[in-house]
Amino acid sequence: MLTEEQRRRGAEDILRAERDRKPIPQLSKTFPDMEIEDAYRVQDLWAEGRIAKGARVIGHKIGLTSRAMQMASKMTEPDYGRILESRPAISSSPVSRLSWRSSWDMSSRVPTPRSST
């Protein structure tokens, strides 16, 4: 279990990495005693920092809802978090279905974007 100061440092490290656009080590490597409660507290502190700078909560997310995914991730329950308006993946522009191939890349099993050329 981390101290509240360590949790704050973790959130500040993430905020600084976002601002400076520089990667940081995985927090569980920096804080080997980190537990799931610590991770959720760091997430809360990170979100509070983003909100303080103008981000707006537009929803909530939940993941690892299937037992198979929980087992694969060595988790025992779903995870959750906030969706902030300033998240780069959120956009008011629609994604054209035509910009994706209808076939799957069989080596990775994920759709691949078409080349624009």
N, C-alpha and C. Protein backbone atom coordinates (compact mmCIF):
# COMPACT_ATOMS: atom_id res chain seq x y z
N MET A 1 0.85 -1.18 0.00
CA MET A 1 0.00 0.00 0.00
C MET A 1 0.90 1.24 0.00
N LEU A 2 0.50 2.24 -0.79
CA LEU A 2 1.26 3.47 -0.89
C LEU A 2 0.75 4.52 0.08
N THR A 3 1.61 5.48 0.36
CA THR A 3 1.17 6.63 1.15
C THR A 3 0.41 7.58 0.21
N GLU A 4 -0.35 8.47 0.77
CA GLU A 4 -1.08 9.45 -0.04
C GLU A 4 -0.08 10.32 -0.83
N GLU A 5 1.06 10.60 -0.24
CA GLU A 5 2.08 11.39 -0.95
C GLU A 5 2.61 10.64 -2.18
N GLN A 6 2.82 9.34 -2.05
CA GLN A 6 3.28 8.54 -3.20
C GLN A 6 2.19 8.50 -4.28
N ARG A 7 0.95 8.38 -3.86
CA ARG A 7 -0.14 8.39 -4.83
C ARG A 7 -0.18 9.70 -5.58
N ARG A 8 -0.03 10.81 -4.87
CA ARG A 8 -0.01 12.13 -5.50
C ARG A 8 1.16 12.25 -6.47
N ARG A 9 2.30 11.72 -6.06
CA ARG A 9 3.48 11.76 -6.94
C ARG A 9 3.21 10.97 -8.22
N GLY A 10 2.56 9.82 -8.10
CA GLY A 10 2.22 9.03 -9.28
C GLY A 10 1.33 9.81 -10.22
N ALA A 11 0.29 10.44 -9.69
CA ALA A 11 -0.62 11.23 -10.52
C ALA A 11 0.12 12.42 -11.16
N GLU A 12 0.96 13.07 -10.40
CA GLU A 12 1.73 14.20 -10.93
C GLU A 12 2.69 13.74 -12.02
N ASP A 13 3.28 12.56 -11.85
CA ASP A 13 4.17 12.01 -12.88
C ASP A 13 3.41 11.80 -14.19
N ILE A 14 2.20 11.25 -14.09
CA ILE A 14 1.39 11.02 -15.29
C ILE A 14 1.01 12.35 -15.95
N LEU A 15 0.58 13.31 -15.14
CA LEU A 15 0.20 14.62 -15.68
C LEU A 15 1.39 15.29 -16.36
N ARG A 16 2.57 15.20 -15.75
CA ARG A 16 3.78 15.79 -16.33
C ARG A 16 4.14 15.08 -17.64
N ALA A 17 4.03 13.75 -17.66
CA ALA A 17 4.33 12.99 -18.88
C ALA A 17 3.38 13.39 -20.01
N GLU A 18 2.10 13.60 -19.69
CA GLU A 18 1.15 14.05 -20.71
C GLU A 18 1.52 15.44 -21.21
N ARG A 19 1.83 16.33 -20.29
CA ARG A 19 2.16 17.71 -20.65
C ARG A 19 3.42 17.77 -21.49
N ASP A 20 4.46 17.03 -21.07
CA ASP A 20 5.75 17.07 -21.75
C ASP A 20 5.83 16.09 -22.93
N ARG A 21 4.80 15.25 -23.06
CA ARG A 21 4.76 14.23 -24.11
C ARG A 21 5.99 13.33 -24.06
N LYS A 22 6.32 12.90 -22.83
CA LYS A 22 7.46 12.00 -22.62
C LYS A 22 6.99 10.80 -21.81
N PRO A 23 7.39 9.61 -22.22
CA PRO A 23 6.97 8.42 -21.47
C PRO A 23 7.62 8.35 -20.10
N ILE A 24 6.95 7.66 -19.20
CA ILE A 24 7.49 7.40 -17.87
C ILE A 24 7.40 5.90 -17.62
N PRO A 25 8.17 5.40 -16.66
CA PRO A 25 8.05 3.97 -16.34
C PRO A 25 6.65 3.65 -15.80
N GLN A 26 6.26 2.41 -15.99
CA GLN A 26 5.00 1.93 -15.43
C GLN A 26 5.01 2.21 -13.93
N LEU A 27 3.92 2.76 -13.40
CA LEU A 27 3.91 3.15 -11.98
C LEU A 27 4.18 1.99 -11.03
N SER A 28 3.75 0.79 -11.39
CA SER A 28 4.01 -0.35 -10.50
C SER A 28 5.49 -0.70 -10.47
N LYS A 29 6.27 -0.23 -11.44
CA LYS A 29 7.73 -0.40 -11.39
C LYS A 29 8.35 0.67 -10.49
N THR A 30 7.81 1.88 -10.56
CA THR A 30 8.29 2.97 -9.70
C THR A 30 7.88 2.73 -8.25
N PHE A 31 6.68 2.19 -8.06
CA PHE A 31 6.14 1.93 -6.73
C PHE A 31 5.78 0.44 -6.62
N PRO A 32 6.75 -0.42 -6.33
CA PRO A 32 6.49 -1.87 -6.32
C PRO A 32 5.44 -2.31 -5.31
N ASP A 33 5.17 -1.51 -4.28
CA ASP A 33 4.16 -1.87 -3.28
C ASP A 33 2.75 -1.42 -3.67
N MET A 34 2.59 -0.91 -4.88
CA MET A 34 1.30 -0.40 -5.34
C MET A 34 0.27 -1.53 -5.40
N GLU A 35 -0.92 -1.23 -4.88
CA GLU A 35 -2.04 -2.18 -4.90
C GLU A 35 -3.18 -1.57 -5.71
N ILE A 36 -4.20 -2.34 -5.95
CA ILE A 36 -5.31 -1.89 -6.79
C ILE A 36 -5.97 -0.62 -6.21
N GLU A 37 -6.09 -0.55 -4.89
CA GLU A 37 -6.68 0.65 -4.27
C GLU A 37 -5.82 1.88 -4.56
N ASP A 38 -4.50 1.69 -4.57
CA ASP A 38 -3.60 2.80 -4.88
C ASP A 38 -3.79 3.25 -6.33
N ALA A 39 -3.92 2.28 -7.24
CA ALA A 39 -4.09 2.61 -8.66
C ALA A 39 -5.36 3.43 -8.88
N TYR A 40 -6.45 3.04 -8.23
CA TYR A 40 -7.70 3.80 -8.39
C TYR A 40 -7.57 5.20 -7.77
N ARG A 41 -6.84 5.33 -6.68
CA ARG A 41 -6.64 6.65 -6.07
C ARG A 41 -5.77 7.53 -6.98
N VAL A 42 -4.73 6.94 -7.58
CA VAL A 42 -3.90 7.70 -8.53
C VAL A 42 -4.77 8.15 -9.70
N GLN A 43 -5.63 7.27 -10.18
CA GLN A 43 -6.54 7.62 -11.27
C GLN A 43 -7.43 8.80 -10.87
N ASP A 44 -7.96 8.77 -9.65
CA ASP A 44 -8.80 9.88 -9.17
C ASP A 44 -8.01 11.19 -9.13
N LEU A 45 -6.80 11.12 -8.61
CA LEU A 45 -5.97 12.32 -8.51
C LEU A 45 -5.60 12.85 -9.89
N TRP A 46 -5.29 11.93 -10.82
CA TRP A 46 -5.00 12.32 -12.20
C TRP A 46 -6.20 13.03 -12.81
N ALA A 47 -7.40 12.45 -12.66
CA ALA A 47 -8.61 13.04 -13.22
C ALA A 47 -8.86 14.41 -12.59
N GLU A 48 -8.69 14.53 -11.29
CA GLU A 48 -8.87 15.82 -10.63
C GLU A 48 -7.91 16.86 -11.21
N GLY A 49 -6.68 16.45 -11.49
CA GLY A 49 -5.70 17.36 -12.09
C GLY A 49 -6.12 17.80 -13.48
N ARG A 50 -6.65 16.87 -14.28
CA ARG A 50 -7.11 17.20 -15.63
C ARG A 50 -8.33 18.12 -15.56
N ILE A 51 -9.25 17.82 -14.64
CA ILE A 51 -10.46 18.63 -14.48
C ILE A 51 -10.10 20.04 -14.03
N ALA A 52 -9.13 20.15 -13.14
CA ALA A 52 -8.68 21.47 -12.67
C ALA A 52 -8.14 22.31 -13.82
N LYS A 53 -7.66 21.67 -14.87
CA LYS A 53 -7.12 22.39 -16.03
C LYS A 53 -8.15 22.52 -17.16
N GLY A 54 -9.42 22.21 -16.87
CA GLY A 54 -10.48 22.46 -17.84
C GLY A 54 -11.12 21.25 -18.47
N ALA A 55 -10.61 20.05 -18.22
CA ALA A 55 -11.25 18.86 -18.78
C ALA A 55 -12.62 18.68 -18.12
N ARG A 56 -13.52 18.05 -18.86
CA ARG A 56 -14.87 17.82 -18.36
C ARG A 56 -15.19 16.33 -18.44
N VAL A 57 -15.77 15.79 -17.38
CA VAL A 57 -16.18 14.39 -17.38
C VAL A 57 -17.41 14.26 -18.28
N ILE A 58 -17.31 13.38 -19.29
CA ILE A 58 -18.45 13.19 -20.19
C ILE A 58 -19.01 11.77 -20.09
N GLY A 59 -18.41 10.96 -19.26
CA GLY A 59 -18.92 9.60 -19.11
C GLY A 59 -18.03 8.77 -18.21
N HIS A 60 -18.39 7.53 -18.10
CA HIS A 60 -17.62 6.58 -17.31
C HIS A 60 -17.40 5.34 -18.16
N LYS A 61 -16.37 4.60 -17.84
CA LYS A 61 -16.07 3.39 -18.59
C LYS A 61 -15.92 2.22 -17.64
N ILE A 62 -16.14 1.05 -18.19
CA ILE A 62 -15.95 -0.17 -17.42
C ILE A 62 -15.31 -1.19 -18.35
N GLY A 63 -14.37 -1.91 -17.83
CA GLY A 63 -13.67 -2.90 -18.65
C GLY A 63 -13.54 -4.21 -17.90
N LEU A 64 -13.01 -5.20 -18.59
CA LEU A 64 -12.82 -6.53 -18.01
C LEU A 64 -14.13 -7.07 -17.44
N THR A 65 -15.18 -6.94 -18.23
CA THR A 65 -16.49 -7.37 -17.74
C THR A 65 -16.72 -8.87 -17.92
N SER A 66 -15.95 -9.51 -18.79
CA SER A 66 -16.13 -10.96 -18.95
C SER A 66 -15.16 -11.70 -18.03
N ARG A 67 -15.61 -12.82 -17.55
CA ARG A 67 -14.77 -13.64 -16.66
C ARG A 67 -13.49 -14.07 -17.37
N ALA A 68 -13.58 -14.39 -18.66
CA ALA A 68 -12.40 -14.82 -19.41
C ALA A 68 -11.34 -13.71 -19.43
N MET A 69 -11.75 -12.47 -19.67
CA MET A 69 -10.79 -11.36 -19.69
C MET A 69 -10.23 -11.09 -18.30
N GLN A 70 -11.05 -11.23 -17.28
CA GLN A 70 -10.56 -11.07 -15.90
C GLN A 70 -9.49 -12.11 -15.60
N MET A 71 -9.74 -13.34 -15.97
CA MET A 71 -8.77 -14.40 -15.72
C MET A 71 -7.48 -14.16 -16.50
N ALA A 72 -7.61 -13.73 -17.76
CA ALA A 72 -6.43 -13.45 -18.58
C ALA A 72 -5.60 -12.31 -18.00
N SER A 73 -6.26 -11.37 -17.33
CA SER A 73 -5.58 -10.22 -16.74
C SER A 73 -5.25 -10.41 -15.27
N LYS A 74 -5.57 -11.59 -14.75
CA LYS A 74 -5.35 -11.90 -13.33
C LYS A 74 -6.08 -10.91 -12.43
N MET A 75 -7.30 -10.56 -12.85
CA MET A 75 -8.16 -9.67 -12.07
C MET A 75 -9.37 -10.47 -11.58
N THR A 76 -10.02 -9.97 -10.57
CA THR A 76 -11.19 -10.68 -10.03
C THR A 76 -12.48 -9.89 -10.20
N GLU A 77 -12.38 -8.70 -10.75
CA GLU A 77 -13.57 -7.86 -10.94
C GLU A 77 -13.33 -6.90 -12.09
N PRO A 78 -14.39 -6.32 -12.63
CA PRO A 78 -14.21 -5.32 -13.70
C PRO A 78 -13.43 -4.11 -13.19
N ASP A 79 -12.82 -3.38 -14.12
CA ASP A 79 -12.18 -2.12 -13.77
C ASP A 79 -13.04 -0.98 -14.30
N TYR A 80 -12.77 0.22 -13.83
CA TYR A 80 -13.62 1.35 -14.20
C TYR A 80 -12.82 2.64 -14.18
N GLY A 81 -13.38 3.67 -14.79
CA GLY A 81 -12.73 4.98 -14.81
C GLY A 81 -13.63 6.02 -15.45
N ARG A 82 -13.09 7.22 -15.59
CA ARG A 82 -13.83 8.33 -16.18
C ARG A 82 -13.41 8.53 -17.63
N ILE A 83 -14.31 9.07 -18.42
CA ILE A 83 -13.99 9.50 -19.78
C ILE A 83 -14.04 11.02 -19.75
N LEU A 84 -12.93 11.64 -20.10
CA LEU A 84 -12.85 13.10 -20.09
C LEU A 84 -13.00 13.63 -21.50
N GLU A 85 -13.64 14.78 -21.62
CA GLU A 85 -13.88 15.40 -22.92
C GLU A 85 -12.57 15.65 -23.66
N SER A 86 -11.53 15.95 -22.95
CA SER A 86 -10.27 16.29 -23.59
C SER A 86 -9.47 15.07 -24.03
N ARG A 87 -9.99 13.88 -23.83
CA ARG A 87 -9.28 12.67 -24.24
C ARG A 87 -9.09 12.69 -25.76
N PRO A 88 -7.86 12.48 -26.25
CA PRO A 88 -7.60 12.61 -27.69
C PRO A 88 -8.47 11.72 -28.57
N ALA A 89 -8.87 10.55 -28.11
CA ALA A 89 -9.64 9.63 -28.95
C ALA A 89 -11.09 10.10 -29.12
N ILE A 90 -11.54 11.03 -28.29
CA ILE A 90 -12.90 11.53 -28.38
C ILE A 90 -12.91 12.68 -29.38
N SER A 91 -13.78 12.61 -30.35
CA SER A 91 -13.85 13.65 -31.37
C SER A 91 -15.28 13.77 -31.85
N SER A 92 -15.65 14.95 -32.26
CA SER A 92 -16.99 15.13 -32.80
C SER A 92 -17.04 14.73 -34.27
N SER A 93 -15.88 14.44 -34.86
CA SER A 93 -15.84 14.02 -36.26
C SER A 93 -16.11 12.53 -36.36
N PRO A 94 -17.05 12.14 -37.23
CA PRO A 94 -17.31 10.71 -37.38
C PRO A 94 -16.14 10.01 -38.07
N VAL A 95 -15.95 8.75 -37.77
CA VAL A 95 -14.95 7.93 -38.43
C VAL A 95 -15.66 7.21 -39.56
N SER A 96 -15.16 7.38 -40.74
CA SER A 96 -15.77 6.75 -41.90
C SER A 96 -15.50 5.26 -41.91
N ARG A 97 -16.56 4.49 -42.07
CA ARG A 97 -16.42 3.05 -42.17
C ARG A 97 -15.62 2.69 -43.41
N LEU A 98 -15.66 3.54 -44.42
CA LEU A 98 -14.95 3.28 -45.66
C LEU A 98 -13.44 3.43 -45.51
N SER A 99 -12.99 4.04 -44.44
CA SER A 99 -11.55 4.19 -44.26
C SER A 99 -10.90 2.93 -43.71
N TRP A 100 -11.70 1.90 -43.44
CA TRP A 100 -11.18 0.63 -42.92
C TRP A 100 -11.41 -0.47 -43.94
N ARG A 101 -10.47 -1.37 -44.06
CA ARG A 101 -10.62 -2.52 -44.95
C ARG A 101 -11.72 -3.42 -44.42
N SER A 102 -12.39 -4.08 -45.31
CA SER A 102 -13.41 -5.02 -44.87
C SER A 102 -12.80 -6.36 -44.47
N SER A 103 -11.56 -6.60 -44.90
CA SER A 103 -10.90 -7.85 -44.51
C SER A 103 -10.05 -7.61 -43.27
N TRP A 104 -9.73 -8.69 -42.62
CA TRP A 104 -8.92 -8.62 -41.40
C TRP A 104 -7.49 -8.98 -41.72
N ASP A 105 -6.57 -8.33 -41.05
CA ASP A 105 -5.17 -8.71 -41.14
C ASP A 105 -5.04 -9.99 -40.33
N MET A 106 -4.86 -11.11 -41.00
CA MET A 106 -4.92 -12.40 -40.33
C MET A 106 -3.75 -12.63 -39.36
N SER A 107 -2.67 -11.86 -39.50
CA SER A 107 -1.56 -12.08 -38.58
C SER A 107 -1.83 -11.47 -37.22
N SER A 108 -2.61 -10.41 -37.17
CA SER A 108 -2.86 -9.75 -35.88
C SER A 108 -4.31 -9.83 -35.45
N ARG A 109 -5.21 -10.21 -36.35
CA ARG A 109 -6.63 -10.32 -36.05
C ARG A 109 -7.29 -8.99 -35.70
N VAL A 110 -6.73 -7.89 -36.20
CA VAL A 110 -7.35 -6.58 -35.98
C VAL A 110 -7.52 -5.90 -37.33
N PRO A 111 -8.54 -5.05 -37.46
CA PRO A 111 -8.71 -4.36 -38.73
C PRO A 111 -7.55 -3.39 -38.96
N THR A 112 -7.18 -3.21 -40.19
CA THR A 112 -6.09 -2.30 -40.50
C THR A 112 -6.62 -1.19 -41.40
N PRO A 113 -6.17 0.06 -41.18
CA PRO A 113 -6.64 1.15 -42.01
C PRO A 113 -6.13 1.02 -43.44
N ARG A 114 -6.92 1.48 -44.37
CA ARG A 114 -6.50 1.50 -45.77
C ARG A 114 -5.45 2.56 -45.96
N SER A 115 -4.57 2.34 -46.86
CA SER A 115 -3.59 3.36 -47.22
C SER A 115 -4.31 4.48 -47.95
N SER A 116 -3.91 5.71 -47.74
CA SER A 116 -4.54 6.84 -48.41
C SER A 116 -3.98 7.02 -49.82
N THR A 117 -3.01 6.19 -50.19
CA THR A 117 -2.42 6.31 -51.54
C THR A 117 -3.00 5.28 -52.47
